[in-house]
Amino acid sequence: MSQPTQTFVIVGASLAGAKAAETLRTEGFDGRVVLIGNEAHRPYERPPLSKEYLRAEKDFDAAAVHPAGFYDEHDIELRTSTLVTSIDLATASVMLSSGERIAYDRLLLSTGATPRLLSVPGSDREGVFYLRSVDDADTLRQVIGPSAQVVVIGAGWIGTEVAASARQLGAEVAMVDLVTVPLERVLGPEVGAVYRDLHQRHGVQLHFGVGVEAIQGPKKTVESVRLSDGTVLPATTVVVGIGVGPRTELAEAAGLAVDNGVVTDEHLRASAPGVFAAGDVANAFHPRYGTPIRLEHWSAALNQGPAAARAMLGHEVVYDRTPYFFSDQYDLGMEYRGWAPDFDQVVFRGDPAGAEFLCFWLRHGRVTAAMNANIWDAGDAIEELLRAGRPVDPGRLADPDVDLTELASR
């Protein structure tokens, strides 16, 4: 007697969700796979939205996770423009806004994150934008050009990348943040200064250590941004990039454990049987670091989706990959590996002013994170150094004549 067909439901037609669906098929799962997303588009990658896609150097197909026919060819039910309104753990089912209920044998939450909203007078004016979706990027494409005056609020990854792209498109750009240098919260003041100088060289007006008091203009449109120090910046376009928060509403309402994301173990299993989470929404226990980590980066979505799929199939999967992200701004490309929420020393190898260097974050003498900037053959050695976890001599770490693999093995 044949076994009944199982149904695996994936809520969130994101990179993580799409890669999970793909992996279920490549691993031989022949049951029903339902991939549900509230956007009208098939799954796509988000990094190009602030870079090549925003600058119209790449089209949607280049950003898409899979070709248009992939989902039909692999018998994956891709439900776009579809909203999941609730999860019922007791009956193992999800409810759609249409009223349809879909029962599941396994459920993956890959709902991603949503931008934090600016809350100052005038923040609801026409001309104030956020960048999270391809539709957001399409809108910004239409308003950023040589005649635009763009004020970017927030000097994190989205803010700095949008500022760079806007300058490359010929716009006048000002960047505002309470920090003292770009990316200070992630990279610290020393490396943040590299990005400060980079944006200054490309003509971005930097306003750091100040807040935004109001967005002003006639009627409902944007005309200027008033800062807490009294400065008034002319603006035709305001882009807000002040971080994102995990989309946990469905999980919370269902009664899943939530703490800065959907809480999972190292197998990406959530707190209810048969439920998993991956990508921006997952606060997953990382066995190497001994703590939960929620990563808002492309690599987590790319790699956690397949790992979660294998765990859904009953494989013994432990997600312990080294955190990784990348950024391209103007002529400075970088890759960052590791996890350094706090550190006590920063060591450079090479000259940051020359835009080709390595950088290492140390805690108690051990390298916890590293960045290669415009140097593309150091990734494997950096990974080996991070996994070794041994104390290193900062002087030898800074010396370009000392092989990194040698430091990792001693």
Protein backbone atom coordinates (compact mmCIF):
# COMPACT_ATOMS: atom_id res chain seq x y z
CA MET A 1 0.00 0.00 0.00
CA SER A 2 1.44 3.35 -1.05
CA GLN A 3 2.21 5.99 1.53
CA PRO A 4 0.10 9.17 1.51
CA THR A 5 1.76 12.14 -0.18
CA GLN A 6 3.35 14.57 2.23
CA THR A 7 2.95 18.34 1.92
CA PHE A 8 5.78 20.72 2.77
CA VAL A 9 4.73 24.35 2.99
CA ILE A 10 7.21 27.23 2.77
CA VAL A 11 5.92 30.62 3.90
CA GLY A 12 8.07 33.29 2.32
CA ALA A 13 9.00 33.15 -1.39
CA SER A 14 12.41 34.58 -0.57
CA LEU A 15 15.93 33.44 -1.43
CA ALA A 16 15.85 31.13 1.59
CA GLY A 17 12.43 29.79 0.67
CA ALA A 18 13.28 29.28 -3.00
CA LYS A 19 16.56 27.50 -2.21
CA ALA A 20 14.75 25.30 0.28
CA ALA A 21 12.18 24.32 -2.34
CA GLU A 22 14.95 23.58 -4.84
CA THR A 23 16.81 21.45 -2.30
CA LEU A 24 13.74 19.40 -1.44
CA ARG A 25 13.55 18.34 -5.08
CA THR A 26 17.28 17.72 -5.52
CA GLU A 27 17.22 15.58 -2.36
CA GLY A 28 14.52 13.43 -3.93
CA PHE A 29 11.40 14.60 -2.09
CA ASP A 30 8.46 13.74 -4.36
CA GLY A 31 5.64 15.10 -2.24
CA ARG A 32 3.79 18.39 -2.57
CA VAL A 33 5.88 21.57 -2.20
CA VAL A 34 3.98 24.84 -1.75
CA LEU A 35 6.01 28.08 -1.82
CA ILE A 36 3.95 31.09 -0.75
CA GLY A 37 4.94 34.74 -1.15
CA ASN A 38 3.04 38.00 -0.79
CA GLU A 39 4.96 39.77 -3.56
CA ALA A 40 3.85 39.54 -7.18
CA HIS A 41 7.30 38.44 -8.37
CA ARG A 42 8.99 35.07 -8.33
CA PRO A 43 11.77 34.81 -5.71
CA TYR A 44 14.76 37.10 -6.21
CA GLU A 45 17.98 38.08 -4.45
CA ARG A 46 18.01 41.40 -2.60
CA PRO A 47 21.69 42.52 -2.72
CA PRO A 48 21.44 43.84 -6.32
CA LEU A 49 18.53 46.11 -5.36
CA SER A 50 20.82 48.73 -3.82
CA LYS A 51 23.55 48.28 -6.41
CA GLU A 52 23.42 46.98 -10.01
CA TYR A 53 19.64 46.71 -10.22
CA LEU A 54 19.09 50.20 -8.82
CA ARG A 55 21.57 51.57 -11.35
CA ALA A 56 19.75 49.67 -14.17
CA GLU A 57 22.90 47.68 -14.93
CA LYS A 58 21.04 44.39 -14.34
CA ASP A 59 17.45 43.42 -15.00
CA PHE A 60 15.07 41.36 -12.89
CA ASP A 61 16.05 38.06 -14.49
CA ALA A 62 19.63 38.62 -13.31
CA ALA A 63 18.39 39.08 -9.75
CA ALA A 64 15.89 36.20 -9.80
CA VAL A 65 16.83 33.06 -7.89
CA HIS A 66 15.62 30.76 -10.67
CA PRO A 67 14.52 31.10 -14.30
CA ALA A 68 10.83 31.73 -14.88
CA GLY A 69 9.99 28.12 -15.76
CA PHE A 70 11.89 26.49 -12.90
CA TYR A 71 9.00 26.11 -10.47
CA ASP A 72 6.63 24.47 -12.95
CA GLU A 73 9.40 22.20 -14.23
CA HIS A 74 10.11 21.00 -10.70
CA ASP A 75 6.46 20.70 -9.64
CA ILE A 76 6.76 23.45 -7.04
CA GLU A 77 3.52 25.31 -6.40
CA LEU A 78 4.67 28.93 -6.37
CA ARG A 79 1.86 31.09 -4.98
CA THR A 80 2.77 34.75 -5.58
CA SER A 81 0.61 37.69 -4.41
CA THR A 82 -0.65 35.38 -1.66
CA LEU A 83 -0.88 36.29 2.01
CA VAL A 84 -0.72 33.76 4.84
CA THR A 85 -2.91 35.13 7.62
CA SER A 86 -2.34 32.52 10.33
CA ILE A 87 -0.63 29.30 11.32
CA ASP A 88 -2.52 26.70 13.35
CA LEU A 89 -0.02 24.46 15.10
CA ALA A 90 -2.74 22.23 16.54
CA THR A 91 -4.05 21.24 13.11
CA ALA A 92 -0.70 21.70 11.32
CA SER A 93 -2.12 24.06 8.73
CA VAL A 94 -1.82 27.57 7.36
CA MET A 95 -4.68 29.88 6.45
CA LEU A 96 -4.55 32.12 3.39
CA SER A 97 -6.30 35.47 3.00
CA SER A 98 -8.51 33.84 0.36
CA GLY A 99 -9.91 31.54 3.05
CA GLU A 100 -8.07 28.49 1.76
CA ARG A 101 -6.48 26.27 4.40
CA ILE A 102 -3.40 24.19 3.53
CA ALA A 103 -2.39 21.33 5.81
CA TYR A 104 1.32 20.65 6.14
CA ASP A 105 3.56 17.82 7.27
CA ARG A 106 6.51 20.21 7.53
CA LEU A 107 6.47 24.00 7.63
CA LEU A 108 9.34 26.39 6.88
CA LEU A 109 9.14 30.06 7.82
CA SER A 110 11.33 32.22 5.58
CA THR A 111 9.35 35.43 5.92
CA GLY A 112 12.40 37.70 6.02
CA ALA A 113 12.45 41.14 7.54
CA THR A 114 10.76 44.49 7.13
CA PRO A 115 12.27 48.00 7.27
CA ARG A 116 12.09 49.97 10.49
CA LEU A 117 10.03 53.09 9.90
CA LEU A 118 11.22 56.62 10.51
CA SER A 119 9.01 58.44 12.98
CA VAL A 120 9.47 62.19 12.65
CA PRO A 121 7.13 64.91 11.41
CA GLY A 122 6.79 64.62 7.66
CA SER A 123 8.07 61.06 7.38
CA ASP A 124 4.87 60.11 5.53
CA ARG A 125 5.39 62.66 2.76
CA GLU A 126 5.56 61.76 -0.91
CA GLY A 127 9.20 61.35 -1.81
CA VAL A 128 10.16 59.35 1.29
CA PHE A 129 11.20 55.83 0.33
CA TYR A 130 12.43 52.58 1.84
CA LEU A 131 14.34 49.93 -0.08
CA ARG A 132 13.42 46.34 0.61
CA SER A 133 11.64 45.00 -2.47
CA VAL A 134 12.15 45.05 -6.21
CA ASP A 135 9.12 47.35 -6.46
CA ASP A 136 10.87 49.78 -4.11
CA ALA A 137 13.96 49.67 -6.33
CA ASP A 138 11.86 50.21 -9.45
CA THR A 139 10.37 53.34 -7.89
CA LEU A 140 13.77 54.68 -6.84
CA ARG A 141 15.08 54.07 -10.36
CA GLN A 142 12.55 56.61 -11.59
CA VAL A 143 13.44 59.39 -9.15
CA ILE A 144 17.24 59.13 -8.75
CA GLY A 145 19.21 60.78 -11.49
CA PRO A 146 21.40 63.80 -12.29
CA SER A 147 18.73 66.29 -11.23
CA ALA A 148 17.90 64.58 -7.94
CA GLN A 149 18.84 65.81 -4.48
CA VAL A 150 18.92 62.65 -2.37
CA VAL A 151 19.09 62.59 1.42
CA VAL A 152 19.92 59.16 2.79
CA ILE A 153 18.91 58.68 6.43
CA GLY A 154 21.00 55.89 7.92
CA ALA A 155 24.63 54.95 7.28
CA GLY A 156 24.34 51.18 7.47
CA TRP A 157 24.67 48.83 4.52
CA ILE A 158 21.50 49.92 2.71
CA GLY A 159 22.21 53.60 3.30
CA THR A 160 25.84 53.51 2.17
CA GLU A 161 25.12 51.35 -0.88
CA VAL A 162 22.20 53.52 -1.97
CA ALA A 163 24.30 56.65 -1.46
CA ALA A 164 27.04 55.18 -3.64
CA SER A 165 24.61 54.16 -6.37
CA ALA A 166 22.89 57.55 -6.31
CA ARG A 167 26.23 59.31 -6.74
CA GLN A 168 27.09 56.98 -9.61
CA LEU A 169 23.77 57.97 -11.18
CA GLY A 170 24.75 61.64 -10.91
CA ALA A 171 22.56 62.73 -8.01
CA GLU A 172 23.57 65.11 -5.26
CA VAL A 173 23.69 63.04 -2.08
CA ALA A 174 23.75 63.77 1.64
CA MET A 175 23.97 61.05 4.28
CA VAL A 176 22.72 61.51 7.86
CA ASP A 177 23.20 59.34 10.93
CA LEU A 178 23.69 59.59 14.68
CA VAL A 179 26.93 57.60 14.43
CA THR A 180 30.34 59.22 13.91
CA VAL A 181 31.31 57.19 10.79
CA PRO A 182 29.42 54.97 8.35
CA LEU A 183 28.86 51.36 9.41
CA GLU A 184 30.20 52.08 12.88
CA ARG A 185 27.79 49.69 14.58
CA VAL A 186 29.06 46.76 12.50
CA LEU A 187 32.66 47.55 11.62
CA GLY A 188 33.72 49.92 14.39
CA PRO A 189 35.25 53.40 14.09
CA GLU A 190 38.55 52.38 12.46
CA VAL A 191 37.07 50.60 9.45
CA GLY A 192 34.07 52.93 9.38
CA ALA A 193 36.54 55.75 8.76
CA VAL A 194 37.58 54.01 5.52
CA TYR A 195 34.00 54.26 4.29
CA ARG A 196 33.69 57.84 5.52
CA ASP A 197 36.71 58.83 3.44
CA LEU A 198 35.43 56.80 0.48
CA HIS A 199 32.10 58.63 0.39
CA GLN A 200 33.75 61.99 0.94
CA ARG A 201 36.03 61.40 -2.04
CA HIS A 202 32.96 60.74 -4.16
CA GLY A 203 31.21 63.91 -3.13
CA VAL A 204 28.67 62.72 -0.56
CA GLN A 205 27.85 65.35 2.07
CA LEU A 206 28.22 63.64 5.44
CA HIS A 207 26.22 64.72 8.48
CA PHE A 208 27.14 62.46 11.38
CA GLY A 209 26.38 62.76 15.06
CA VAL A 210 23.07 64.45 14.29
CA GLY A 211 19.48 63.28 14.09
CA VAL A 212 16.56 64.11 11.82
CA GLU A 213 13.96 66.47 13.28
CA ALA A 214 11.54 66.77 10.38
CA ILE A 215 10.98 66.22 6.68
CA GLN A 216 9.56 69.40 5.22
CA GLY A 217 7.84 70.58 2.08
CA PRO A 218 4.76 72.19 0.59
CA LYS A 219 1.59 70.19 0.93
CA LYS A 220 2.52 66.48 0.99
CA THR A 221 5.75 66.51 -0.99
CA VAL A 222 9.38 66.51 0.16
CA GLU A 223 11.42 69.67 -0.18
CA SER A 224 13.99 69.48 2.61
CA VAL A 225 15.19 67.60 5.69
CA ARG A 226 15.80 69.50 8.93
CA LEU A 227 18.48 68.09 11.22
CA SER A 228 18.80 68.35 14.98
CA ASP A 229 21.67 70.84 14.66
CA GLY A 230 19.51 73.21 12.62
CA THR A 231 20.94 72.25 9.22
CA VAL A 232 18.36 72.13 6.42
CA LEU A 233 19.21 69.81 3.53
CA PRO A 234 17.41 70.32 0.20
CA ALA A 235 15.80 67.09 -0.97
CA THR A 236 13.75 65.80 -3.85
CA THR A 237 14.10 62.24 -2.57
CA VAL A 238 14.62 60.81 0.91
CA VAL A 239 15.74 57.20 1.34
CA VAL A 240 15.40 55.76 4.84
CA GLY A 241 17.71 52.91 5.82
CA ILE A 242 17.61 52.61 9.60
CA GLY A 243 17.58 48.85 9.86
CA VAL A 244 15.05 46.05 9.62
CA GLY A 245 13.14 43.87 12.01
CA PRO A 246 12.30 40.17 11.54
CA ARG A 247 8.79 39.41 10.30
CA THR A 248 7.65 37.31 13.22
CA GLU A 249 3.96 38.23 13.37
CA LEU A 250 2.73 34.85 12.15
CA ALA A 251 5.09 32.97 14.45
CA GLU A 252 4.14 35.03 17.49
CA ALA A 253 0.42 34.65 16.86
CA ALA A 254 0.86 30.89 16.46
CA GLY A 255 2.67 30.63 19.80
CA LEU A 256 6.16 29.82 18.52
CA ALA A 257 9.12 30.98 20.60
CA VAL A 258 10.21 34.39 19.33
CA ASP A 259 13.17 36.46 20.53
CA ASN A 260 14.70 38.79 17.94
CA GLY A 261 13.36 36.39 15.33
CA VAL A 262 11.95 32.89 15.31
CA VAL A 263 14.04 30.95 17.80
CA THR A 264 15.56 27.76 16.39
CA ASP A 265 18.16 25.21 17.43
CA GLU A 266 21.28 24.43 15.41
CA HIS A 267 19.15 22.25 13.11
CA LEU A 268 16.94 25.28 12.26
CA ARG A 269 14.02 23.62 14.08
CA ALA A 270 11.58 26.03 15.71
CA SER A 271 9.86 25.40 19.04
CA ALA A 272 6.98 23.34 17.61
CA PRO A 273 7.28 19.90 15.97
CA GLY A 274 7.58 20.00 12.19
CA VAL A 275 8.27 23.75 12.03
CA PHE A 276 11.55 25.27 10.84
CA ALA A 277 12.87 28.76 10.09
CA ALA A 278 15.61 30.14 7.81
CA GLY A 279 17.00 33.44 6.60
CA ASP A 280 16.49 36.90 8.09
CA VAL A 281 13.67 35.74 10.35
CA ALA A 282 15.60 32.92 12.04
CA ASN A 283 17.45 33.49 15.29
CA ALA A 284 19.38 30.24 15.08
CA PHE A 285 21.64 28.73 17.72
CA HIS A 286 25.18 28.64 16.33
CA PRO A 287 27.24 25.82 17.87
CA ARG A 288 30.59 27.46 17.09
CA TYR A 289 29.70 30.62 18.97
CA GLY A 290 27.49 29.04 21.61
CA THR A 291 24.70 31.57 21.16
CA PRO A 292 21.75 32.31 18.87
CA ILE A 293 22.61 34.52 15.90
CA ARG A 294 20.19 36.21 13.52
CA LEU A 295 21.92 37.16 10.28
CA GLU A 296 20.36 39.74 7.98
CA HIS A 297 22.57 38.78 5.07
CA TRP A 298 22.38 37.07 1.71
CA SER A 299 24.63 34.19 2.74
CA ALA A 300 22.36 33.14 5.60
CA ALA A 301 19.36 32.97 3.28
CA LEU A 302 21.37 31.18 0.59
CA ASN A 303 22.73 28.53 2.94
CA GLN A 304 20.09 28.18 5.64
CA GLY A 305 17.33 27.47 3.12
CA PRO A 306 18.97 24.25 1.87
CA ALA A 307 20.03 23.28 5.40
CA ALA A 308 16.46 23.68 6.64
CA ALA A 309 15.15 21.64 3.71
CA ARG A 310 17.44 18.75 4.58
CA ALA A 311 16.44 18.98 8.22
CA MET A 312 12.78 18.87 7.14
CA LEU A 313 13.59 15.60 5.37
CA GLY A 314 15.01 14.15 8.58
CA HIS A 315 18.70 14.51 7.77
CA GLU A 316 21.09 15.25 10.63
CA VAL A 317 21.94 18.81 9.70
CA VAL A 318 23.87 21.25 11.88
CA TYR A 319 24.07 24.81 10.63
CA ASP A 320 27.52 26.06 11.65
CA ARG A 321 28.69 28.04 8.64
CA THR A 322 30.87 31.08 9.21
CA PRO A 323 28.77 34.24 8.88
CA TYR A 324 29.57 36.03 5.62
CA PHE A 325 28.49 39.13 3.76
CA PHE A 326 29.79 41.38 1.02
CA SER A 327 29.38 44.94 -0.18
CA ASP A 328 30.38 46.88 -3.29
CA GLN A 329 30.55 50.67 -3.10
CA TYR A 330 32.12 52.64 -5.93
CA ASP A 331 35.46 50.90 -6.60
CA LEU A 332 35.70 49.26 -3.15
CA GLY A 333 34.53 45.68 -2.96
CA MET A 334 34.75 43.73 0.26
CA GLU A 335 33.94 40.40 1.88
CA TYR A 336 33.45 39.98 5.62
CA ARG A 337 33.68 36.68 7.44
CA GLY A 338 33.08 35.89 11.08
CA TRP A 339 31.11 37.34 13.93
CA ALA A 340 32.43 40.15 16.11
CA PRO A 341 29.64 41.76 18.16
CA ASP A 342 32.41 43.14 20.36
CA PHE A 343 36.17 43.24 20.01
CA ASP A 344 39.17 44.82 21.69
CA GLN A 345 41.59 45.30 18.78
CA VAL A 346 41.54 45.97 15.03
CA VAL A 347 44.55 45.03 12.90
CA PHE A 348 45.11 46.15 9.31
CA ARG A 349 47.28 44.32 6.80
CA GLY A 350 48.01 46.70 3.95
CA ASP A 351 47.05 50.34 3.50
CA PRO A 352 43.34 51.17 3.83
CA ALA A 353 43.94 54.44 1.99
CA GLY A 354 45.12 52.40 -0.99
CA ALA A 355 41.79 50.49 -1.13
CA GLU A 356 43.51 47.08 -1.04
CA PHE A 357 43.83 45.65 2.45
CA LEU A 358 42.85 43.01 4.94
CA CYS A 359 41.37 43.84 8.31
CA PHE A 360 41.00 41.65 11.39
CA TRP A 361 38.87 42.06 14.50
CA LEU A 362 40.37 40.45 17.62
CA ARG A 363 39.00 39.58 21.02
CA HIS A 364 41.37 38.32 23.71
CA GLY A 365 44.03 37.84 21.05
CA ARG A 366 41.91 35.65 18.78
CA VAL A 367 40.60 36.65 15.34
CA THR A 368 36.80 36.67 15.46
CA ALA A 369 36.13 38.36 12.11
CA ALA A 370 38.06 39.49 9.05
CA MET A 371 37.48 41.55 5.94
CA ASN A 372 39.23 41.43 2.59
CA ALA A 373 38.90 44.65 0.57
CA ASN A 374 39.71 44.42 -3.15
CA ILE A 375 41.83 41.34 -2.38
CA TRP A 376 40.08 38.25 -3.70
CA ASP A 377 42.42 35.35 -2.98
CA ALA A 378 42.40 35.48 0.83
CA GLY A 379 39.01 33.95 1.61
CA ASP A 380 40.12 30.38 2.26
CA ALA A 381 43.02 31.45 4.47
CA ILE A 382 40.76 33.76 6.45
CA GLU A 383 38.25 30.95 6.93
CA GLU A 384 41.01 28.67 8.19
CA LEU A 385 42.24 31.35 10.58
CA LEU A 386 38.74 31.93 11.96
CA ARG A 387 38.06 28.24 12.48
CA ALA A 388 41.41 27.67 14.17
CA GLY A 389 40.49 30.10 16.95
CA ARG A 390 44.08 30.34 18.16
CA PRO A 391 45.70 33.41 19.72
CA VAL A 392 47.76 35.31 17.14
CA ASP A 393 50.57 37.84 17.31
CA PRO A 394 49.07 41.15 16.05
CA GLY A 395 52.42 42.15 14.57
CA ARG A 396 52.63 39.00 12.48
CA LEU A 397 48.98 39.33 11.55
CA ALA A 398 49.71 42.81 10.15
CA ASP A 399 52.80 41.65 8.25
CA PRO A 400 51.96 40.89 4.58
CA ASP A 401 55.03 38.62 4.38
CA VAL A 402 53.56 36.23 6.96
CA ASP A 403 51.28 33.57 5.45
CA LEU A 404 47.83 33.59 7.07
CA THR A 405 47.63 29.81 6.90
CA GLU A 406 50.83 29.68 8.93
CA LEU A 407 49.15 31.74 11.66
CA ALA A 408 46.18 29.41 11.60
CA SER A 409 48.33 26.31 12.10
CA ARG A 410 50.42 27.57 15.03
